[in-house]
Each structure stands twice: as structure tokens, then as C-alpha cells.
Amino acid sequence: MGEVTVKVNNKPYTVGCADGQEARVAELARIFDEHVSMVVSDVGTIGEVRTFLMAALLLVDEMDEMRLQIEAAEAAQARISAGAFEIERKAAFAITDAAERLEKLVKDA
């Protein structure tokens, strides 16, 4: 099991992680520390637990906003796909109709 020491709010924390995940954990801690710094600059020193809670809530809010954006993008993609399918269906019908007319013209000629 891997271990990495990260700094959050200028305090070191040793965190266990899967082997090879140390860099990822360090990067996640850096992102969390940025949010902790934002909370501290906005509301001042309110205690470590409350500061960390507020930073975690900011992160969850960002994640939820991204989830909503992904859902909206997926819905838009579904509408685009449905529209493309309808266009392909109409094009196939038009080609079939044109081929039938050409066959009839060739027979009648």
C-alpha cells in the first residue's frame, strides 16, 4: 500500500492509497487545498472541520453542476441523434422513391 504526505491548509497529512496512486492523491489534495484556501479567504479561520466541510461542499456543488451539464449534453446528443436518424430515414425513402421512378421510366421508354 502506498502512502503520500499532502499539505492542506498548510498542514501535512499522511494518506494511504493504492500503490502507484500517490501522484493522483497528491493532485486531488492540491485541488482540495485550493478550495480550502478559497473558504479561508472568504470566511476566515472557522476551525479545521468547518473549513474542510465548506470546501467539500464547494467541491460537491461543482461536481453536481458538472453532472447537470453532462446530462444536458447527453440529452442534446440524443436529440441530435434522433434528428440524424430521421434525416437518414427520409433520405433513404427519397432514394428508394427516385429509384422506383427511374425503373418505371426505363421500362416505359
N, C-alpha and C. Protein backbone atom coordinates (compact mmCIF):
# COMPACT_ATOMS: atom_id res chain seq x y z
N MET A 1 0.85 -1.19 0.00
CA MET A 1 0.00 0.00 0.00
C MET A 1 0.88 1.24 0.00
N GLY A 2 0.51 2.18 -0.87
CA GLY A 2 1.27 3.41 -0.98
C GLY A 2 0.89 4.41 0.10
N GLU A 3 1.72 5.40 0.24
CA GLU A 3 1.48 6.44 1.22
C GLU A 3 2.00 7.75 0.64
N VAL A 4 1.29 8.81 0.87
CA VAL A 4 1.73 10.11 0.38
C VAL A 4 1.40 11.15 1.45
N THR A 5 2.29 12.10 1.61
CA THR A 5 2.04 13.20 2.53
C THR A 5 1.65 14.41 1.71
N VAL A 6 0.48 14.96 2.04
CA VAL A 6 -0.04 16.12 1.32
C VAL A 6 -0.17 17.27 2.29
N LYS A 7 -0.23 18.47 1.76
CA LYS A 7 -0.44 19.65 2.60
C LYS A 7 -1.80 20.25 2.27
N VAL A 8 -2.60 20.41 3.31
CA VAL A 8 -3.89 21.08 3.16
C VAL A 8 -3.96 22.13 4.25
N ASN A 9 -4.22 23.35 3.84
CA ASN A 9 -4.28 24.47 4.77
C ASN A 9 -2.97 24.59 5.55
N ASN A 10 -1.88 24.37 4.84
CA ASN A 10 -0.52 24.46 5.40
C ASN A 10 -0.22 23.43 6.48
N LYS A 11 -0.99 22.34 6.52
CA LYS A 11 -0.73 21.27 7.48
C LYS A 11 -0.47 19.98 6.71
N PRO A 12 0.55 19.23 7.10
CA PRO A 12 0.81 17.96 6.42
C PRO A 12 -0.12 16.86 6.91
N TYR A 13 -0.57 16.04 5.98
CA TYR A 13 -1.40 14.87 6.28
C TYR A 13 -0.84 13.69 5.50
N THR A 14 -0.64 12.58 6.19
CA THR A 14 -0.19 11.37 5.51
C THR A 14 -1.41 10.55 5.17
N VAL A 15 -1.51 10.17 3.90
CA VAL A 15 -2.69 9.48 3.40
C VAL A 15 -2.25 8.17 2.74
N GLY A 16 -2.94 7.09 3.07
CA GLY A 16 -2.69 5.82 2.41
C GLY A 16 -3.44 5.76 1.09
N CYS A 17 -2.86 5.03 0.15
CA CYS A 17 -3.50 4.89 -1.16
C CYS A 17 -2.96 3.64 -1.83
N ALA A 18 -3.59 3.24 -2.90
CA ALA A 18 -3.10 2.10 -3.67
C ALA A 18 -1.73 2.43 -4.25
N ASP A 19 -0.89 1.43 -4.35
CA ASP A 19 0.42 1.63 -4.96
C ASP A 19 0.26 2.25 -6.35
N GLY A 20 1.09 3.22 -6.63
CA GLY A 20 1.05 3.89 -7.92
C GLY A 20 0.07 5.04 -8.00
N GLN A 21 -0.74 5.25 -6.97
CA GLN A 21 -1.74 6.32 -6.97
C GLN A 21 -1.29 7.56 -6.20
N GLU A 22 -0.05 7.57 -5.78
CA GLU A 22 0.44 8.67 -4.95
C GLU A 22 0.32 10.02 -5.66
N ALA A 23 0.70 10.07 -6.92
CA ALA A 23 0.62 11.34 -7.67
C ALA A 23 -0.83 11.80 -7.81
N ARG A 24 -1.72 10.86 -8.04
CA ARG A 24 -3.15 11.20 -8.17
C ARG A 24 -3.69 11.76 -6.86
N VAL A 25 -3.35 11.11 -5.76
CA VAL A 25 -3.81 11.58 -4.44
C VAL A 25 -3.23 12.96 -4.15
N ALA A 26 -1.97 13.17 -4.49
CA ALA A 26 -1.35 14.48 -4.28
C ALA A 26 -2.07 15.56 -5.10
N GLU A 27 -2.45 15.23 -6.33
CA GLU A 27 -3.17 16.18 -7.18
C GLU A 27 -4.56 16.47 -6.61
N LEU A 28 -5.25 15.45 -6.15
CA LEU A 28 -6.58 15.66 -5.54
C LEU A 28 -6.46 16.53 -4.29
N ALA A 29 -5.43 16.29 -3.50
CA ALA A 29 -5.22 17.10 -2.29
C ALA A 29 -4.92 18.55 -2.66
N ARG A 30 -4.18 18.75 -3.76
CA ARG A 30 -3.88 20.11 -4.21
C ARG A 30 -5.18 20.84 -4.59
N ILE A 31 -6.06 20.15 -5.29
CA ILE A 31 -7.34 20.74 -5.68
C ILE A 31 -8.17 21.06 -4.43
N PHE A 32 -8.20 20.10 -3.49
CA PHE A 32 -8.95 20.33 -2.25
C PHE A 32 -8.36 21.52 -1.49
N ASP A 33 -7.04 21.61 -1.45
CA ASP A 33 -6.38 22.72 -0.75
C ASP A 33 -6.75 24.06 -1.37
N GLU A 34 -6.90 24.10 -2.70
CA GLU A 34 -7.34 25.33 -3.36
C GLU A 34 -8.71 25.75 -2.85
N HIS A 35 -9.61 24.78 -2.70
CA HIS A 35 -10.95 25.09 -2.19
C HIS A 35 -10.90 25.51 -0.72
N VAL A 36 -10.06 24.86 0.05
CA VAL A 36 -9.89 25.25 1.46
C VAL A 36 -9.37 26.69 1.52
N SER A 37 -8.42 27.02 0.68
CA SER A 37 -7.88 28.39 0.65
C SER A 37 -8.96 29.40 0.29
N MET A 38 -9.85 29.03 -0.65
CA MET A 38 -10.95 29.93 -1.01
C MET A 38 -11.86 30.17 0.19
N VAL A 39 -12.18 29.09 0.93
CA VAL A 39 -13.04 29.23 2.11
C VAL A 39 -12.37 30.13 3.13
N VAL A 40 -11.10 29.89 3.40
CA VAL A 40 -10.38 30.70 4.39
C VAL A 40 -10.34 32.16 3.97
N SER A 41 -10.13 32.43 2.68
CA SER A 41 -10.09 33.83 2.25
C SER A 41 -11.47 34.47 2.29
N ASP A 42 -12.53 33.67 2.11
CA ASP A 42 -13.89 34.22 2.13
C ASP A 42 -14.44 34.42 3.54
N VAL A 43 -14.20 33.44 4.42
CA VAL A 43 -14.83 33.50 5.75
C VAL A 43 -13.85 33.53 6.90
N GLY A 44 -12.58 33.43 6.62
CA GLY A 44 -11.58 33.48 7.68
C GLY A 44 -11.42 32.12 8.36
N THR A 45 -10.76 32.13 9.49
CA THR A 45 -10.50 30.90 10.23
C THR A 45 -11.73 30.53 11.04
N ILE A 46 -12.32 29.38 10.70
CA ILE A 46 -13.55 28.95 11.39
C ILE A 46 -13.39 27.56 11.97
N GLY A 47 -12.18 27.09 12.06
CA GLY A 47 -11.94 25.75 12.56
C GLY A 47 -11.73 24.79 11.40
N GLU A 48 -10.83 23.86 11.62
CA GLU A 48 -10.44 22.95 10.55
C GLU A 48 -11.62 22.13 10.00
N VAL A 49 -12.42 21.56 10.88
CA VAL A 49 -13.51 20.71 10.42
C VAL A 49 -14.52 21.51 9.61
N ARG A 50 -14.91 22.68 10.10
CA ARG A 50 -15.88 23.50 9.37
C ARG A 50 -15.29 24.01 8.05
N THR A 51 -14.02 24.37 8.06
CA THR A 51 -13.36 24.81 6.83
C THR A 51 -13.35 23.69 5.81
N PHE A 52 -12.96 22.49 6.25
CA PHE A 52 -12.91 21.35 5.35
C PHE A 52 -14.31 20.99 4.86
N LEU A 53 -15.31 21.09 5.74
CA LEU A 53 -16.69 20.80 5.34
C LEU A 53 -17.15 21.77 4.26
N MET A 54 -16.88 23.04 4.46
CA MET A 54 -17.30 24.03 3.46
C MET A 54 -16.58 23.80 2.14
N ALA A 55 -15.29 23.47 2.18
CA ALA A 55 -14.54 23.19 0.95
C ALA A 55 -15.12 21.96 0.26
N ALA A 56 -15.45 20.93 1.06
CA ALA A 56 -16.04 19.72 0.48
C ALA A 56 -17.39 20.04 -0.16
N LEU A 57 -18.19 20.88 0.48
CA LEU A 57 -19.48 21.27 -0.10
C LEU A 57 -19.29 22.04 -1.41
N LEU A 58 -18.28 22.88 -1.47
CA LEU A 58 -17.98 23.58 -2.74
C LEU A 58 -17.64 22.58 -3.84
N LEU A 59 -16.83 21.59 -3.51
CA LEU A 59 -16.46 20.58 -4.49
C LEU A 59 -17.67 19.77 -4.95
N VAL A 60 -18.52 19.39 -4.00
CA VAL A 60 -19.72 18.62 -4.35
C VAL A 60 -20.64 19.46 -5.21
N ASP A 61 -20.74 20.75 -4.91
CA ASP A 61 -21.56 21.65 -5.72
C ASP A 61 -21.03 21.70 -7.15
N GLU A 62 -19.71 21.80 -7.31
CA GLU A 62 -19.11 21.81 -8.64
C GLU A 62 -19.38 20.48 -9.36
N MET A 63 -19.24 19.38 -8.64
CA MET A 63 -19.49 18.07 -9.24
C MET A 63 -20.94 17.95 -9.68
N ASP A 64 -21.87 18.43 -8.86
CA ASP A 64 -23.29 18.35 -9.21
C ASP A 64 -23.59 19.21 -10.43
N GLU A 65 -22.98 20.38 -10.49
CA GLU A 65 -23.17 21.26 -11.66
C GLU A 65 -22.64 20.57 -12.92
N MET A 66 -21.49 19.91 -12.81
CA MET A 66 -20.95 19.18 -13.95
C MET A 66 -21.86 18.03 -14.35
N ARG A 67 -22.43 17.34 -13.36
CA ARG A 67 -23.36 16.25 -13.64
C ARG A 67 -24.55 16.77 -14.42
N LEU A 68 -25.09 17.91 -14.02
CA LEU A 68 -26.23 18.51 -14.73
C LEU A 68 -25.84 18.89 -16.15
N GLN A 69 -24.63 19.42 -16.32
CA GLN A 69 -24.16 19.79 -17.65
C GLN A 69 -23.99 18.55 -18.53
N ILE A 70 -23.48 17.47 -17.96
CA ILE A 70 -23.32 16.22 -18.71
C ILE A 70 -24.69 15.68 -19.12
N GLU A 71 -25.65 15.70 -18.18
CA GLU A 71 -26.99 15.22 -18.51
C GLU A 71 -27.61 16.05 -19.63
N ALA A 72 -27.42 17.37 -19.58
CA ALA A 72 -27.96 18.24 -20.62
C ALA A 72 -27.28 17.94 -21.96
N ALA A 73 -25.96 17.73 -21.93
CA ALA A 73 -25.24 17.41 -23.16
C ALA A 73 -25.68 16.06 -23.72
N GLU A 74 -25.90 15.08 -22.85
CA GLU A 74 -26.37 13.77 -23.30
C GLU A 74 -27.77 13.87 -23.91
N ALA A 75 -28.64 14.69 -23.30
CA ALA A 75 -29.98 14.87 -23.84
C ALA A 75 -29.91 15.56 -25.21
N ALA A 76 -29.04 16.55 -25.33
CA ALA A 76 -28.87 17.23 -26.62
C ALA A 76 -28.34 16.25 -27.67
N GLN A 77 -27.38 15.42 -27.26
CA GLN A 77 -26.83 14.43 -28.19
C GLN A 77 -27.91 13.45 -28.63
N ALA A 78 -28.78 13.05 -27.71
CA ALA A 78 -29.87 12.13 -28.06
C ALA A 78 -30.81 12.78 -29.08
N ARG A 79 -31.10 14.08 -28.87
CA ARG A 79 -31.97 14.79 -29.82
C ARG A 79 -31.30 14.90 -31.19
N ILE A 80 -30.00 15.17 -31.19
CA ILE A 80 -29.26 15.26 -32.45
C ILE A 80 -29.27 13.91 -33.16
N SER A 81 -29.03 12.84 -32.39
CA SER A 81 -29.02 11.50 -32.98
C SER A 81 -30.39 11.15 -33.55
N ALA A 82 -31.44 11.50 -32.81
CA ALA A 82 -32.80 11.22 -33.30
C ALA A 82 -33.07 12.01 -34.58
N GLY A 83 -32.61 13.26 -34.61
CA GLY A 83 -32.77 14.09 -35.81
C GLY A 83 -32.01 13.52 -36.99
N ALA A 84 -30.78 13.05 -36.72
CA ALA A 84 -29.97 12.45 -37.80
C ALA A 84 -30.63 11.18 -38.31
N PHE A 85 -31.18 10.38 -37.41
CA PHE A 85 -31.87 9.15 -37.83
C PHE A 85 -33.06 9.50 -38.71
N GLU A 86 -33.80 10.52 -38.34
CA GLU A 86 -34.97 10.92 -39.13
C GLU A 86 -34.54 11.42 -40.51
N ILE A 87 -33.46 12.18 -40.58
CA ILE A 87 -32.95 12.66 -41.87
C ILE A 87 -32.52 11.48 -42.73
N GLU A 88 -31.81 10.50 -42.13
CA GLU A 88 -31.39 9.31 -42.87
C GLU A 88 -32.59 8.52 -43.37
N ARG A 89 -33.63 8.42 -42.55
CA ARG A 89 -34.84 7.71 -42.95
C ARG A 89 -35.50 8.40 -44.14
N LYS A 90 -35.61 9.71 -44.08
CA LYS A 90 -36.21 10.46 -45.18
C LYS A 90 -35.36 10.37 -46.44
N ALA A 91 -34.04 10.42 -46.28
CA ALA A 91 -33.15 10.30 -47.43
C ALA A 91 -33.28 8.92 -48.07
N ALA A 92 -33.34 7.89 -47.24
CA ALA A 92 -33.50 6.53 -47.78
C ALA A 92 -34.82 6.40 -48.52
N PHE A 93 -35.89 6.97 -47.99
CA PHE A 93 -37.19 6.95 -48.65
C PHE A 93 -37.11 7.68 -49.99
N ALA A 94 -36.46 8.86 -50.00
CA ALA A 94 -36.36 9.64 -51.23
C ALA A 94 -35.55 8.88 -52.29
N ILE A 95 -34.47 8.21 -51.87
CA ILE A 95 -33.65 7.44 -52.82
C ILE A 95 -34.44 6.27 -53.37
N THR A 96 -35.16 5.58 -52.51
CA THR A 96 -35.98 4.45 -52.95
C THR A 96 -37.06 4.92 -53.92
N ASP A 97 -37.70 6.02 -53.59
CA ASP A 97 -38.74 6.58 -54.46
C ASP A 97 -38.14 6.98 -55.81
N ALA A 98 -36.97 7.62 -55.79
CA ALA A 98 -36.33 8.03 -57.04
C ALA A 98 -35.94 6.81 -57.87
N ALA A 99 -35.42 5.76 -57.21
CA ALA A 99 -35.04 4.54 -57.94
C ALA A 99 -36.27 3.91 -58.59
N GLU A 100 -37.39 3.87 -57.89
CA GLU A 100 -38.62 3.29 -58.44
C GLU A 100 -39.09 4.10 -59.64
N ARG A 101 -39.00 5.42 -59.58
CA ARG A 101 -39.40 6.27 -60.70
C ARG A 101 -38.49 6.04 -61.91
N LEU A 102 -37.17 5.93 -61.62
CA LEU A 102 -36.24 5.68 -62.72
C LEU A 102 -36.51 4.33 -63.38
N GLU A 103 -36.77 3.32 -62.57
CA GLU A 103 -37.09 1.99 -63.13
C GLU A 103 -38.34 2.08 -64.01
N LYS A 104 -39.32 2.82 -63.56
CA LYS A 104 -40.56 2.96 -64.33
C LYS A 104 -40.28 3.70 -65.64
N LEU A 105 -39.46 4.75 -65.57
CA LEU A 105 -39.11 5.48 -66.79
C LEU A 105 -38.36 4.60 -67.78
N VAL A 106 -37.44 3.78 -67.27
CA VAL A 106 -36.67 2.89 -68.14
C VAL A 106 -37.60 1.86 -68.79
N LYS A 107 -38.55 1.33 -68.03
CA LYS A 107 -39.48 0.34 -68.58
C LYS A 107 -40.38 0.98 -69.64
N ASP A 108 -40.83 2.19 -69.38
CA ASP A 108 -41.75 2.86 -70.30
C ASP A 108 -41.05 3.40 -71.54
N ALA A 109 -39.75 3.48 -71.49
CA ALA A 109 -39.03 4.08 -72.63
C ALA A 109 -38.82 3.13 -73.77
